[in-house]
Amino acid sequence: NTHLQRYCEQWGITFTRGRAGRKNDSCYVEQKNYSLVRRYVGYGRYAGEEALVVLAELYGVLRLYWNFFQPVMQLERKGPSAQVRKWHDEACTPYRRLLRSGVLSAEAEERLRVEYEGLNPMALHRQIVALQERLDGLLCREKDAGG
């Protein structure tokens, strides 16, 4: 954690730790671990430089696919009642939500638009599947080697 703490201090990021025995401290991170990492990578163990390269490439493609093309709904409010009632906003991709927020400079908006226009969601999906197959091959070799 010292490397992470030093990095956070260098970049002005608030560094917090979870409390022992409090499983809900990191529930949002754990939710994303399932919805993204576990769904696309699985629960297998990978070792070696090749697995690192494939995982990095997969995460890069997933970042583009999810942030530009996968809409999500955000919770707007909860109603106070015996039954929990929730209101969500309209489903929107993180890319569109960021553009609507108005926090980006004109240059940053233009860079994102150029990146978006150069993407093809079906091509990204095919890349994800191909990278998953490569990872599956790496997992099998590890098992065959007795690891």
N, C-alpha and C. Protein backbone atom coordinates (compact mmCIF):
# COMPACT_ATOMS: atom_id res chain seq x y z
N ASN A 1 0.80 -1.20 0.00
CA ASN A 1 0.00 0.00 0.00
C ASN A 1 0.85 1.27 0.00
N THR A 2 2.11 1.18 0.34
CA THR A 2 2.93 2.40 0.38
C THR A 2 3.09 3.01 -1.00
N HIS A 3 3.24 2.17 -2.03
CA HIS A 3 3.36 2.70 -3.39
C HIS A 3 2.05 3.38 -3.80
N LEU A 4 0.94 2.75 -3.49
CA LEU A 4 -0.37 3.32 -3.81
C LEU A 4 -0.59 4.62 -3.04
N GLN A 5 -0.21 4.64 -1.78
CA GLN A 5 -0.38 5.85 -0.97
C GLN A 5 0.47 6.99 -1.53
N ARG A 6 1.70 6.69 -1.90
CA ARG A 6 2.58 7.72 -2.46
C ARG A 6 2.01 8.26 -3.77
N TYR A 7 1.50 7.38 -4.61
CA TYR A 7 0.88 7.79 -5.87
C TYR A 7 -0.33 8.69 -5.62
N CYS A 8 -1.18 8.30 -4.68
CA CYS A 8 -2.37 9.09 -4.37
C CYS A 8 -1.99 10.48 -3.84
N GLU A 9 -0.98 10.54 -2.99
CA GLU A 9 -0.54 11.83 -2.46
C GLU A 9 0.03 12.70 -3.57
N GLN A 10 0.79 12.09 -4.49
CA GLN A 10 1.40 12.82 -5.59
C GLN A 10 0.34 13.45 -6.49
N TRP A 11 -0.76 12.74 -6.72
CA TRP A 11 -1.79 13.22 -7.64
C TRP A 11 -2.99 13.84 -6.93
N GLY A 12 -2.91 14.02 -5.61
CA GLY A 12 -3.98 14.68 -4.87
C GLY A 12 -5.24 13.83 -4.74
N ILE A 13 -5.08 12.51 -4.68
CA ILE A 13 -6.21 11.60 -4.55
C ILE A 13 -6.34 11.21 -3.08
N THR A 14 -7.55 11.30 -2.56
CA THR A 14 -7.79 10.92 -1.17
C THR A 14 -7.60 9.42 -1.03
N PHE A 15 -6.75 9.01 -0.13
CA PHE A 15 -6.43 7.61 0.07
C PHE A 15 -7.15 7.12 1.32
N THR A 16 -8.02 6.13 1.17
CA THR A 16 -8.72 5.58 2.31
C THR A 16 -8.56 4.07 2.32
N ARG A 17 -8.69 3.50 3.48
CA ARG A 17 -8.61 2.05 3.62
C ARG A 17 -9.96 1.53 4.11
N GLY A 18 -10.28 0.30 3.72
CA GLY A 18 -11.47 -0.34 4.25
C GLY A 18 -11.25 -0.77 5.68
N ARG A 19 -12.32 -0.91 6.42
CA ARG A 19 -12.20 -1.34 7.81
C ARG A 19 -12.32 -2.86 7.88
N ALA A 20 -11.49 -3.46 8.66
CA ALA A 20 -11.50 -4.92 8.81
C ALA A 20 -12.85 -5.37 9.35
N GLY A 21 -13.40 -6.43 8.77
CA GLY A 21 -14.65 -6.98 9.23
C GLY A 21 -15.88 -6.22 8.77
N ARG A 22 -15.71 -5.20 7.94
CA ARG A 22 -16.83 -4.42 7.42
C ARG A 22 -16.93 -4.66 5.92
N LYS A 23 -17.69 -5.68 5.54
CA LYS A 23 -17.71 -6.10 4.15
C LYS A 23 -18.36 -5.08 3.22
N ASN A 24 -19.18 -4.18 3.74
CA ASN A 24 -19.85 -3.22 2.87
C ASN A 24 -19.01 -1.99 2.55
N ASP A 25 -17.82 -1.88 3.11
CA ASP A 25 -17.00 -0.71 2.83
C ASP A 25 -16.66 -0.57 1.36
N SER A 26 -16.48 -1.67 0.69
CA SER A 26 -16.09 -1.60 -0.72
C SER A 26 -17.13 -2.26 -1.62
N CYS A 27 -18.40 -2.11 -1.26
CA CYS A 27 -19.44 -2.82 -2.01
C CYS A 27 -19.53 -2.35 -3.46
N TYR A 28 -19.27 -1.08 -3.73
CA TYR A 28 -19.36 -0.59 -5.10
C TYR A 28 -18.23 -1.15 -5.95
N VAL A 29 -17.05 -1.24 -5.39
CA VAL A 29 -15.92 -1.83 -6.11
C VAL A 29 -16.21 -3.30 -6.36
N GLU A 30 -16.70 -4.01 -5.37
CA GLU A 30 -17.00 -5.42 -5.54
C GLU A 30 -18.10 -5.63 -6.57
N GLN A 31 -19.06 -4.74 -6.64
CA GLN A 31 -20.12 -4.85 -7.64
C GLN A 31 -19.51 -4.73 -9.04
N LYS A 32 -18.60 -3.79 -9.22
CA LYS A 32 -17.94 -3.63 -10.53
C LYS A 32 -17.03 -4.82 -10.81
N ASN A 33 -16.42 -5.40 -9.77
CA ASN A 33 -15.60 -6.59 -9.99
C ASN A 33 -16.43 -7.69 -10.63
N TYR A 34 -17.68 -7.84 -10.16
CA TYR A 34 -18.51 -8.87 -10.77
C TYR A 34 -18.98 -8.45 -12.15
N SER A 35 -19.55 -7.25 -12.22
CA SER A 35 -20.20 -6.86 -13.47
C SER A 35 -19.22 -6.73 -14.63
N LEU A 36 -17.98 -6.42 -14.36
CA LEU A 36 -17.02 -6.30 -15.46
C LEU A 36 -15.94 -7.38 -15.41
N VAL A 37 -15.13 -7.36 -14.37
CA VAL A 37 -13.97 -8.24 -14.34
C VAL A 37 -14.37 -9.71 -14.34
N ARG A 38 -15.20 -10.13 -13.43
CA ARG A 38 -15.54 -11.55 -13.35
C ARG A 38 -16.35 -12.02 -14.55
N ARG A 39 -17.21 -11.16 -15.08
CA ARG A 39 -18.01 -11.55 -16.23
C ARG A 39 -17.15 -11.75 -17.48
N TYR A 40 -16.14 -10.91 -17.65
CA TYR A 40 -15.33 -10.99 -18.86
C TYR A 40 -14.04 -11.78 -18.70
N VAL A 41 -13.49 -11.82 -17.50
CA VAL A 41 -12.23 -12.52 -17.28
C VAL A 41 -12.45 -13.86 -16.58
N GLY A 42 -13.44 -13.95 -15.72
CA GLY A 42 -13.70 -15.18 -15.00
C GLY A 42 -12.96 -15.20 -13.68
N TYR A 43 -12.92 -16.38 -13.08
CA TYR A 43 -12.31 -16.53 -11.76
C TYR A 43 -10.95 -17.23 -11.82
N GLY A 44 -10.48 -17.54 -13.02
CA GLY A 44 -9.22 -18.25 -13.16
C GLY A 44 -8.03 -17.42 -12.74
N ARG A 45 -6.93 -18.11 -12.53
CA ARG A 45 -5.67 -17.45 -12.18
C ARG A 45 -4.78 -17.48 -13.42
N TYR A 46 -4.14 -16.35 -13.65
CA TYR A 46 -3.24 -16.23 -14.79
C TYR A 46 -1.87 -15.81 -14.28
N ALA A 47 -0.85 -16.29 -14.92
CA ALA A 47 0.52 -15.95 -14.53
C ALA A 47 1.34 -15.74 -15.78
N GLY A 48 2.33 -14.89 -15.67
CA GLY A 48 3.27 -14.70 -16.76
C GLY A 48 3.03 -13.42 -17.54
N GLU A 49 4.05 -13.09 -18.31
CA GLU A 49 4.05 -11.86 -19.10
C GLU A 49 2.96 -11.88 -20.18
N GLU A 50 2.74 -13.01 -20.82
CA GLU A 50 1.74 -13.09 -21.88
C GLU A 50 0.33 -12.82 -21.33
N ALA A 51 0.03 -13.39 -20.18
CA ALA A 51 -1.28 -13.15 -19.57
C ALA A 51 -1.44 -11.68 -19.19
N LEU A 52 -0.38 -11.06 -18.71
CA LEU A 52 -0.42 -9.64 -18.36
C LEU A 52 -0.72 -8.79 -19.59
N VAL A 53 -0.08 -9.11 -20.70
CA VAL A 53 -0.29 -8.35 -21.94
C VAL A 53 -1.72 -8.52 -22.43
N VAL A 54 -2.24 -9.75 -22.41
CA VAL A 54 -3.60 -10.01 -22.88
C VAL A 54 -4.62 -9.33 -21.98
N LEU A 55 -4.43 -9.41 -20.66
CA LEU A 55 -5.35 -8.75 -19.72
C LEU A 55 -5.35 -7.23 -19.93
N ALA A 56 -4.17 -6.64 -20.11
CA ALA A 56 -4.10 -5.20 -20.33
C ALA A 56 -4.83 -4.81 -21.61
N GLU A 57 -4.66 -5.60 -22.65
CA GLU A 57 -5.35 -5.32 -23.91
C GLU A 57 -6.86 -5.48 -23.74
N LEU A 58 -7.28 -6.52 -23.04
CA LEU A 58 -8.70 -6.75 -22.81
C LEU A 58 -9.32 -5.60 -22.01
N TYR A 59 -8.65 -5.16 -20.95
CA TYR A 59 -9.18 -4.05 -20.16
C TYR A 59 -9.26 -2.77 -20.99
N GLY A 60 -8.30 -2.56 -21.89
CA GLY A 60 -8.34 -1.38 -22.76
C GLY A 60 -9.55 -1.40 -23.68
N VAL A 61 -9.85 -2.57 -24.25
CA VAL A 61 -11.00 -2.70 -25.14
C VAL A 61 -12.30 -2.60 -24.34
N LEU A 62 -12.34 -3.22 -23.16
CA LEU A 62 -13.53 -3.14 -22.31
C LEU A 62 -13.83 -1.69 -21.91
N ARG A 63 -12.79 -0.93 -21.64
CA ARG A 63 -12.99 0.48 -21.27
C ARG A 63 -13.72 1.21 -22.39
N LEU A 64 -13.29 1.01 -23.61
CA LEU A 64 -13.95 1.67 -24.75
C LEU A 64 -15.38 1.16 -24.93
N TYR A 65 -15.55 -0.15 -24.87
CA TYR A 65 -16.86 -0.76 -25.11
C TYR A 65 -17.88 -0.30 -24.07
N TRP A 66 -17.50 -0.32 -22.80
CA TRP A 66 -18.44 0.03 -21.74
C TRP A 66 -18.67 1.53 -21.63
N ASN A 67 -17.64 2.34 -21.75
CA ASN A 67 -17.82 3.77 -21.57
C ASN A 67 -18.50 4.45 -22.76
N PHE A 68 -18.35 3.89 -23.96
CA PHE A 68 -18.93 4.53 -25.13
C PHE A 68 -20.24 3.90 -25.60
N PHE A 69 -20.48 2.61 -25.28
CA PHE A 69 -21.61 1.93 -25.90
C PHE A 69 -22.57 1.22 -24.95
N GLN A 70 -22.26 1.11 -23.68
CA GLN A 70 -23.14 0.39 -22.76
C GLN A 70 -23.87 1.36 -21.83
N PRO A 71 -25.16 1.57 -22.05
CA PRO A 71 -25.89 2.51 -21.19
C PRO A 71 -26.11 1.95 -19.79
N VAL A 72 -26.11 2.84 -18.83
CA VAL A 72 -26.38 2.48 -17.43
C VAL A 72 -27.39 3.48 -16.87
N MET A 73 -28.12 3.05 -15.86
CA MET A 73 -29.05 3.94 -15.17
C MET A 73 -28.46 4.27 -13.81
N GLN A 74 -28.54 5.52 -13.42
CA GLN A 74 -28.07 5.92 -12.11
C GLN A 74 -29.26 6.16 -11.18
N LEU A 75 -29.07 5.78 -9.93
CA LEU A 75 -30.11 5.99 -8.93
C LEU A 75 -30.24 7.48 -8.64
N GLU A 76 -31.46 8.01 -8.80
CA GLU A 76 -31.69 9.43 -8.51
C GLU A 76 -32.11 9.64 -7.06
N ARG A 77 -33.03 8.78 -6.59
CA ARG A 77 -33.48 8.91 -5.21
C ARG A 77 -34.20 7.64 -4.79
N LYS A 78 -34.33 7.49 -3.45
CA LYS A 78 -35.09 6.39 -2.87
C LYS A 78 -36.26 6.98 -2.10
N GLY A 79 -37.36 6.26 -2.12
CA GLY A 79 -38.54 6.73 -1.38
C GLY A 79 -38.57 6.18 0.02
N PRO A 80 -38.94 7.01 0.99
CA PRO A 80 -39.04 6.52 2.38
C PRO A 80 -40.37 5.79 2.59
N SER A 81 -40.30 4.49 2.68
CA SER A 81 -41.51 3.70 2.93
C SER A 81 -41.09 2.32 3.40
N ALA A 82 -42.07 1.50 3.72
CA ALA A 82 -41.79 0.14 4.16
C ALA A 82 -41.13 -0.64 3.02
N GLN A 83 -41.64 -0.44 1.82
CA GLN A 83 -41.01 -1.05 0.66
C GLN A 83 -40.04 -0.04 0.07
N VAL A 84 -38.85 -0.48 -0.26
CA VAL A 84 -37.88 0.43 -0.86
C VAL A 84 -38.31 0.71 -2.29
N ARG A 85 -38.54 1.96 -2.57
CA ARG A 85 -38.89 2.37 -3.93
C ARG A 85 -37.76 3.23 -4.46
N LYS A 86 -37.31 2.91 -5.67
CA LYS A 86 -36.17 3.62 -6.24
C LYS A 86 -36.56 4.28 -7.55
N TRP A 87 -35.99 5.46 -7.77
CA TRP A 87 -36.18 6.16 -9.03
C TRP A 87 -34.82 6.30 -9.71
N HIS A 88 -34.76 5.89 -10.96
CA HIS A 88 -33.52 5.97 -11.74
C HIS A 88 -33.69 6.97 -12.87
N ASP A 89 -32.57 7.50 -13.32
CA ASP A 89 -32.62 8.39 -14.46
C ASP A 89 -32.69 7.57 -15.75
N GLU A 90 -32.72 8.24 -16.87
CA GLU A 90 -32.76 7.58 -18.17
C GLU A 90 -31.43 6.88 -18.42
N ALA A 91 -31.50 5.68 -19.00
CA ALA A 91 -30.27 4.95 -19.31
C ALA A 91 -29.44 5.76 -20.30
N CYS A 92 -28.16 5.87 -20.00
CA CYS A 92 -27.27 6.70 -20.81
C CYS A 92 -25.85 6.14 -20.68
N THR A 93 -25.07 6.24 -21.74
CA THR A 93 -23.69 5.76 -21.66
C THR A 93 -22.86 6.76 -20.85
N PRO A 94 -21.80 6.31 -20.20
CA PRO A 94 -20.93 7.24 -19.48
C PRO A 94 -20.40 8.36 -20.39
N TYR A 95 -20.14 8.04 -21.65
CA TYR A 95 -19.68 9.04 -22.61
C TYR A 95 -20.72 10.15 -22.78
N ARG A 96 -21.95 9.80 -23.03
CA ARG A 96 -23.02 10.80 -23.21
C ARG A 96 -23.26 11.58 -21.92
N ARG A 97 -23.20 10.90 -20.78
CA ARG A 97 -23.42 11.56 -19.49
C ARG A 97 -22.32 12.61 -19.25
N LEU A 98 -21.09 12.27 -19.62
CA LEU A 98 -19.98 13.19 -19.45
C LEU A 98 -20.13 14.40 -20.36
N LEU A 99 -20.55 14.18 -21.61
CA LEU A 99 -20.77 15.31 -22.52
C LEU A 99 -21.87 16.24 -21.99
N ARG A 100 -22.94 15.65 -21.46
CA ARG A 100 -24.05 16.44 -20.93
C ARG A 100 -23.68 17.22 -19.68
N SER A 101 -22.69 16.74 -18.93
CA SER A 101 -22.35 17.38 -17.65
C SER A 101 -21.80 18.79 -17.82
N GLY A 102 -21.17 19.06 -18.94
CA GLY A 102 -20.61 20.39 -19.18
C GLY A 102 -19.32 20.68 -18.44
N VAL A 103 -18.66 19.67 -17.91
CA VAL A 103 -17.42 19.90 -17.16
C VAL A 103 -16.17 19.83 -18.03
N LEU A 104 -16.31 19.38 -19.26
CA LEU A 104 -15.16 19.22 -20.14
C LEU A 104 -14.87 20.50 -20.91
N SER A 105 -13.60 20.70 -21.20
CA SER A 105 -13.23 21.81 -22.08
C SER A 105 -13.64 21.43 -23.51
N ALA A 106 -13.69 22.41 -24.39
CA ALA A 106 -14.05 22.16 -25.78
C ALA A 106 -13.07 21.19 -26.44
N GLU A 107 -11.79 21.32 -26.11
CA GLU A 107 -10.77 20.43 -26.68
C GLU A 107 -10.97 18.98 -26.22
N ALA A 108 -11.27 18.81 -24.93
CA ALA A 108 -11.48 17.47 -24.40
C ALA A 108 -12.74 16.84 -25.02
N GLU A 109 -13.80 17.63 -25.19
CA GLU A 109 -15.01 17.12 -25.83
C GLU A 109 -14.71 16.69 -27.26
N GLU A 110 -13.95 17.49 -27.97
CA GLU A 110 -13.61 17.16 -29.36
C GLU A 110 -12.78 15.88 -29.44
N ARG A 111 -11.81 15.73 -28.52
CA ARG A 111 -10.99 14.50 -28.51
C ARG A 111 -11.87 13.28 -28.28
N LEU A 112 -12.82 13.38 -27.34
CA LEU A 112 -13.73 12.26 -27.08
C LEU A 112 -14.61 11.97 -28.28
N ARG A 113 -15.12 13.01 -28.93
CA ARG A 113 -15.97 12.81 -30.11
C ARG A 113 -15.20 12.12 -31.23
N VAL A 114 -13.97 12.54 -31.46
CA VAL A 114 -13.14 11.91 -32.49
C VAL A 114 -12.90 10.44 -32.15
N GLU A 115 -12.60 10.16 -30.88
CA GLU A 115 -12.39 8.78 -30.45
C GLU A 115 -13.66 7.95 -30.66
N TYR A 116 -14.81 8.51 -30.27
CA TYR A 116 -16.09 7.82 -30.41
C TYR A 116 -16.40 7.51 -31.87
N GLU A 117 -16.21 8.48 -32.74
CA GLU A 117 -16.52 8.30 -34.15
C GLU A 117 -15.63 7.25 -34.82
N GLY A 118 -14.46 7.02 -34.25
CA GLY A 118 -13.56 6.02 -34.80
C GLY A 118 -13.80 4.60 -34.28
N LEU A 119 -14.80 4.43 -33.43
CA LEU A 119 -15.06 3.13 -32.82
C LEU A 119 -16.23 2.41 -33.50
N ASN A 120 -16.14 1.10 -33.49
CA ASN A 120 -17.21 0.25 -34.01
C ASN A 120 -17.55 -0.75 -32.90
N PRO A 121 -18.77 -0.69 -32.34
CA PRO A 121 -19.09 -1.56 -31.21
C PRO A 121 -19.00 -3.05 -31.55
N MET A 122 -19.35 -3.43 -32.76
CA MET A 122 -19.26 -4.85 -33.13
C MET A 122 -17.81 -5.29 -33.24
N ALA A 123 -16.95 -4.44 -33.77
CA ALA A 123 -15.53 -4.77 -33.85
C ALA A 123 -14.94 -4.89 -32.44
N LEU A 124 -15.34 -3.97 -31.53
CA LEU A 124 -14.87 -4.06 -30.16
C LEU A 124 -15.33 -5.36 -29.51
N HIS A 125 -16.58 -5.74 -29.76
CA HIS A 125 -17.10 -6.98 -29.19
C HIS A 125 -16.32 -8.18 -29.73
N ARG A 126 -16.04 -8.19 -31.01
CA ARG A 126 -15.25 -9.31 -31.58
C ARG A 126 -13.85 -9.36 -30.95
N GLN A 127 -13.26 -8.19 -30.72
CA GLN A 127 -11.95 -8.14 -30.07
C GLN A 127 -12.02 -8.71 -28.67
N ILE A 128 -13.07 -8.37 -27.94
CA ILE A 128 -13.24 -8.87 -26.57
C ILE A 128 -13.32 -10.39 -26.58
N VAL A 129 -14.13 -10.94 -27.48
CA VAL A 129 -14.28 -12.40 -27.57
C VAL A 129 -12.94 -13.06 -27.92
N ALA A 130 -12.21 -12.48 -28.86
CA ALA A 130 -10.91 -13.04 -29.25
C ALA A 130 -9.92 -13.02 -28.08
N LEU A 131 -9.91 -11.94 -27.34
CA LEU A 131 -9.01 -11.84 -26.19
C LEU A 131 -9.41 -12.81 -25.08
N GLN A 132 -10.71 -13.00 -24.88
CA GLN A 132 -11.17 -13.98 -23.90
C GLN A 132 -10.71 -15.38 -24.30
N GLU A 133 -10.76 -15.69 -25.58
CA GLU A 133 -10.31 -17.01 -26.04
C GLU A 133 -8.82 -17.17 -25.81
N ARG A 134 -8.04 -16.11 -26.04
CA ARG A 134 -6.60 -16.17 -25.76
C ARG A 134 -6.36 -16.42 -24.28
N LEU A 135 -7.12 -15.74 -23.43
CA LEU A 135 -6.98 -15.95 -21.98
C LEU A 135 -7.33 -17.37 -21.59
N ASP A 136 -8.41 -17.90 -22.18
CA ASP A 136 -8.79 -19.29 -21.89
C ASP A 136 -7.65 -20.24 -22.24
N GLY A 137 -6.97 -19.98 -23.34
CA GLY A 137 -5.83 -20.81 -23.73
C GLY A 137 -4.71 -20.73 -22.73
N LEU A 138 -4.46 -19.55 -22.18
CA LEU A 138 -3.41 -19.39 -21.18
C LEU A 138 -3.76 -20.10 -19.89
N LEU A 139 -5.04 -20.09 -19.53
CA LEU A 139 -5.47 -20.79 -18.32
C LEU A 139 -5.30 -22.29 -18.47
N CYS A 140 -5.64 -22.81 -19.62
CA CYS A 140 -5.51 -24.25 -19.85
C CYS A 140 -4.06 -24.70 -19.78
N ARG A 141 -3.16 -23.90 -20.36
CA ARG A 141 -1.73 -24.27 -20.31
C ARG A 141 -1.22 -24.29 -18.89
N GLU A 142 -1.69 -23.36 -18.06
CA GLU A 142 -1.26 -23.32 -16.67
C GLU A 142 -1.73 -24.58 -15.94
N LYS A 143 -2.98 -24.99 -16.20
CA LYS A 143 -3.50 -26.20 -15.56
C LYS A 143 -2.73 -27.43 -16.04
N ASP A 144 -2.45 -27.49 -17.36
CA ASP A 144 -1.73 -28.64 -17.91
C ASP A 144 -0.31 -28.74 -17.34
N ALA A 145 0.28 -27.58 -17.00
CA ALA A 145 1.65 -27.57 -16.48
C ALA A 145 1.69 -27.91 -14.99
N GLY A 146 0.50 -28.14 -14.41
CA GLY A 146 0.46 -28.52 -13.00
C GLY A 146 0.36 -27.32 -12.08
N GLY A 147 0.02 -26.11 -12.62
CA GLY A 147 -0.05 -24.89 -11.81
C GLY A 147 -1.34 -24.58 -11.33
